[in-house]
Protein backbone atom coordinates (compact mmCIF):
# COMPACT_ATOMS: atom_id res chain seq x y z
CA MET A 1 124.16 90.53 145.87
CA GLN A 2 121.74 91.01 143.64
CA ASP A 3 122.37 92.37 140.17
CA ASN A 4 119.88 95.18 138.82
CA PHE A 5 120.20 94.00 135.26
CA SER A 6 117.39 92.37 133.58
CA ALA A 7 117.41 90.80 130.07
CA PRO A 8 115.29 92.25 127.48
CA THR A 9 111.93 90.66 127.12
CA ALA A 10 111.18 89.35 123.99
CA ASP A 11 108.57 91.96 123.20
CA THR A 12 111.54 94.80 123.22
CA SER A 13 114.28 92.40 121.69
CA GLU A 14 112.66 90.57 118.70
CA GLU A 15 110.96 93.48 117.24
CA ASP A 16 109.77 92.78 113.47
CA PRO A 17 112.64 91.13 111.69
CA LEU A 18 112.16 93.29 108.62
CA ALA A 19 112.88 96.10 110.86
CA ALA A 20 116.40 96.37 110.96
CA ARG A 21 116.34 96.03 107.09
CA ARG A 22 113.89 98.66 106.70
CA ARG A 23 116.03 101.25 108.97
CA ARG A 24 119.01 100.54 107.17
CA LEU A 25 117.43 101.28 103.55
CA VAL A 26 115.63 104.36 104.75
CA PHE A 27 119.30 105.61 105.76
CA ARG A 28 120.58 104.53 102.25
CA ALA A 29 117.91 105.91 100.10
CA ASN A 30 118.44 109.44 101.86
CA HIS A 31 122.22 109.17 101.69
CA ARG A 32 122.66 108.61 97.77
CA GLY A 33 124.97 111.48 97.03
CA THR A 34 123.14 113.64 94.77
CA PHE A 35 120.18 115.75 96.13
CA GLU A 36 117.97 114.99 93.47
CA THR A 37 117.98 111.21 94.35
CA ASP A 38 118.25 111.79 98.15
CA ILE A 39 114.92 113.09 97.61
CA LEU A 40 113.23 111.17 95.28
CA ILE A 41 114.41 107.77 96.28
CA GLY A 42 114.18 109.28 99.66
CA GLY A 43 110.80 110.40 99.81
CA PHE A 44 109.27 107.05 97.90
CA VAL A 45 111.27 104.70 100.45
CA GLU A 46 110.06 106.49 103.69
CA ALA A 47 106.58 106.22 102.26
CA ASN A 48 106.62 102.64 101.08
CA VAL A 49 108.95 100.80 103.22
CA GLY A 50 106.59 99.95 106.27
CA THR A 51 104.70 98.04 103.95
CA MET A 52 107.43 96.23 102.03
CA THR A 53 107.64 92.76 102.01
CA ALA A 54 111.33 91.21 102.39
CA ALA A 55 111.14 90.27 98.72
CA GLU A 56 110.33 93.61 97.70
CA LEU A 57 113.01 95.08 100.38
CA ASP A 58 115.42 92.86 98.37
CA ASP A 59 114.41 94.42 94.78
CA MET A 60 114.76 98.16 96.59
CA ASP A 61 118.34 97.04 97.61
CA ALA A 62 119.22 95.88 94.25
CA ILE A 63 117.90 99.31 93.11
CA MET A 64 120.37 100.94 95.20
CA GLN A 65 123.33 99.13 93.64
CA MET A 66 122.27 101.13 90.42
CA PRO A 67 124.04 104.16 89.60
CA ASP A 68 122.58 107.74 90.02
CA PRO A 69 122.82 108.93 86.55
CA GLU A 70 120.64 106.37 84.96
CA LEU A 71 118.05 106.53 88.25
CA THR A 72 117.63 109.74 87.98
CA ASP A 73 117.10 109.86 84.52
CA TRP A 74 114.66 106.77 84.62
CA LEU A 75 113.15 108.55 87.69
CA PHE A 76 112.83 111.77 85.87
CA GLY A 77 111.53 110.48 82.90
CA ARG A 78 114.40 111.58 80.44
CA LEU A 79 115.00 108.20 79.16
CA PRO A 80 112.64 105.01 79.36
CA LEU A 81 113.12 102.49 81.35
CA PRO A 82 115.10 99.63 80.30
CA GLU A 83 112.83 96.48 79.93
CA GLU A 84 115.80 94.34 81.55
CA LYS A 85 116.26 96.71 84.86
CA ALA A 86 112.20 96.97 85.43
CA THR A 87 111.90 94.97 88.38
CA PRO A 88 108.34 95.70 89.78
CA MET A 89 109.35 98.06 92.74
CA LEU A 90 111.69 100.19 90.24
CA ARG A 91 108.56 100.25 87.87
CA ARG A 92 106.37 101.44 90.88
CA MET A 93 109.16 104.13 91.77
CA VAL A 94 109.33 105.24 88.45
CA GLU A 95 105.58 105.76 87.99
CA ALA A 96 105.59 107.39 92.28
CA CYS A 97 108.05 110.11 90.70
CA ARG A 98 106.68 110.82 87.53
CA ALA A 99 103.30 111.27 88.93
CA LYS A 100 104.48 113.56 91.63
CA GLY A 101 106.66 115.59 88.78
CA ALA A 102 103.24 115.98 86.73
CA GLY A 103 101.33 117.22 89.46
CA LYS A 104 104.17 120.67 89.54
CA THR A 105 102.96 123.69 87.83
CA GLU A 106 104.39 125.58 85.83
């Protein structure tokens, strides 16, 4: 009796090695726990995750470990970004969020 099951080919099973990390990161970025950070961080991650390298994903994972109150203060510009926390990715995120906020009309 012949089995109709065929193993997945390399094309379907071996996708981009970072794809799973990117999907998890998008989920985590959109489910932080506070509405503001979900929008700010989730929006930034969704816009940029497709081009992030493994090192940048590591940096983003570290940012995901930071407490929401500190992160939102930095992203909204209520507090300056401390130099010891200012990774290249966090700087990019702060700049993007502040630029987005600067585009608002009053």
